[in-house]
Amino acid sequence: MKKAESISFLTDDNTEVKFFVLEQTTINGRNYLLVSEDAEPAEDEDTIVYVMRETDKAEDGMVSYEFVEEEKELESVSIVFEQLMEDMDIEVE
């Protein structure tokens, strides 16, 4: 697996949270990220990953993302990420 790029997000209360981008894709013109709190998830351990969807791109180049929570969208996007990352078994819970 390639080394994941770190990216910082600001929460609604301006707390900075760091995630590592494991993969990214565009589906129907919308950008998605697969992120984890671990830089290099172990293949033999369960790792929690999150799917984030781009919601807005500001003129200054800043991009806003939100967690994908709608079940059908999450399942569809997870299938694409699983195909992109053959060495990871992604389960939606």
Protein backbone atom coordinates (compact mmCIF):
# COMPACT_ATOMS: atom_id res chain seq x y z
CA MET A 1 0.00 0.00 0.00
CA LYS A 2 1.31 3.49 -0.81
CA LYS A 3 2.06 5.92 2.01
CA ALA A 4 -1.03 7.94 2.86
CA GLU A 5 -1.01 11.72 2.59
CA SER A 6 -2.13 13.53 5.74
CA ILE A 7 -4.81 16.17 5.56
CA SER A 8 -6.22 18.38 8.28
CA PHE A 9 -9.88 19.15 8.72
CA LEU A 10 -11.52 21.79 10.86
CA THR A 11 -14.60 20.72 12.77
CA ASP A 12 -17.58 23.02 13.33
CA ASP A 13 -15.98 24.17 16.60
CA ASN A 14 -12.64 24.91 14.81
CA THR A 15 -10.85 21.88 16.25
CA GLU A 16 -8.21 20.54 13.87
CA VAL A 17 -8.43 16.80 13.15
CA LYS A 18 -5.83 14.96 11.09
CA PHE A 19 -6.79 12.13 8.76
CA PHE A 20 -4.78 10.18 6.25
CA VAL A 21 -6.09 9.92 2.70
CA LEU A 22 -5.95 6.28 1.67
CA GLU A 23 -7.66 6.76 -1.69
CA GLN A 24 -9.70 9.28 -3.63
CA THR A 25 -12.14 8.99 -6.50
CA THR A 26 -14.73 10.94 -8.48
CA ILE A 27 -18.18 9.46 -9.02
CA ASN A 28 -20.79 11.29 -11.09
CA GLY A 29 -18.72 14.48 -10.90
CA ARG A 30 -18.48 14.41 -7.09
CA ASN A 31 -15.14 13.93 -5.30
CA TYR A 32 -14.81 11.39 -2.48
CA LEU A 33 -12.01 10.55 -0.06
CA LEU A 34 -11.39 7.36 1.88
CA VAL A 35 -9.66 8.43 5.08
CA SER A 36 -8.35 6.84 8.26
CA GLU A 37 -6.85 8.00 11.52
CA ASP A 38 -3.98 5.57 10.84
CA ALA A 39 -1.30 6.45 8.31
CA GLU A 40 -0.68 2.82 7.36
CA PRO A 41 -3.55 0.53 8.35
CA ALA A 42 -2.42 -3.02 9.12
CA GLU A 43 -3.72 -5.61 6.68
CA ASP A 44 -4.37 -8.16 9.42
CA GLU A 45 -6.27 -5.82 11.76
CA ASP A 46 -9.59 -4.04 11.55
CA THR A 47 -9.16 -0.36 10.80
CA ILE A 48 -11.91 2.20 10.89
CA VAL A 49 -12.12 4.19 7.68
CA TYR A 50 -14.44 7.02 6.72
CA VAL A 51 -15.84 8.12 3.40
CA MET A 52 -15.96 11.87 2.90
CA ARG A 53 -17.68 13.80 0.12
CA GLU A 54 -16.56 17.17 -1.24
CA THR A 55 -19.28 19.71 -0.56
CA ASP A 56 -17.76 23.04 -1.51
CA LYS A 57 -14.68 24.58 -3.09
CA ALA A 58 -13.94 28.18 -2.13
CA GLU A 59 -12.25 30.73 -4.37
CA ASP A 60 -9.13 30.56 -2.17
CA GLY A 61 -8.73 26.87 -3.01
CA MET A 62 -9.99 25.56 0.33
CA VAL A 63 -12.22 22.52 -0.02
CA SER A 64 -14.97 21.46 2.37
CA TYR A 65 -15.80 17.81 3.00
CA GLU A 66 -18.44 16.04 5.04
CA PHE A 67 -18.81 12.45 6.18
CA VAL A 68 -21.05 10.34 3.97
CA GLU A 69 -23.78 9.04 6.24
CA GLU A 70 -26.60 8.10 3.84
CA GLU A 71 -26.55 4.29 3.68
CA LYS A 72 -27.12 3.78 -0.07
CA GLU A 73 -24.50 6.35 -1.06
CA LEU A 74 -22.04 4.95 1.47
CA GLU A 75 -22.49 1.39 0.17
CA SER A 76 -22.09 2.49 -3.48
CA VAL A 77 -18.96 4.53 -2.84
CA SER A 78 -17.47 1.81 -0.61
CA ILE A 79 -17.75 -0.69 -3.47
CA VAL A 80 -15.73 1.64 -5.70
CA PHE A 81 -13.07 2.14 -3.01
CA GLU A 82 -12.87 -1.61 -2.43
CA GLN A 83 -12.18 -2.12 -6.15
CA LEU A 84 -9.54 0.62 -6.12
CA MET A 85 -7.83 -0.83 -3.05
CA GLU A 86 -7.70 -4.53 -3.81
CA ASP A 87 -5.64 -5.26 -0.68
CA MET A 88 -8.33 -3.85 1.67
CA ASP A 89 -11.61 -5.52 2.55
CA ILE A 90 -14.06 -2.68 3.24
CA GLU A 91 -17.17 -3.44 5.24
CA VAL A 92 -19.93 -0.88 5.72
CA GLU A 93 -21.45 -0.90 9.19
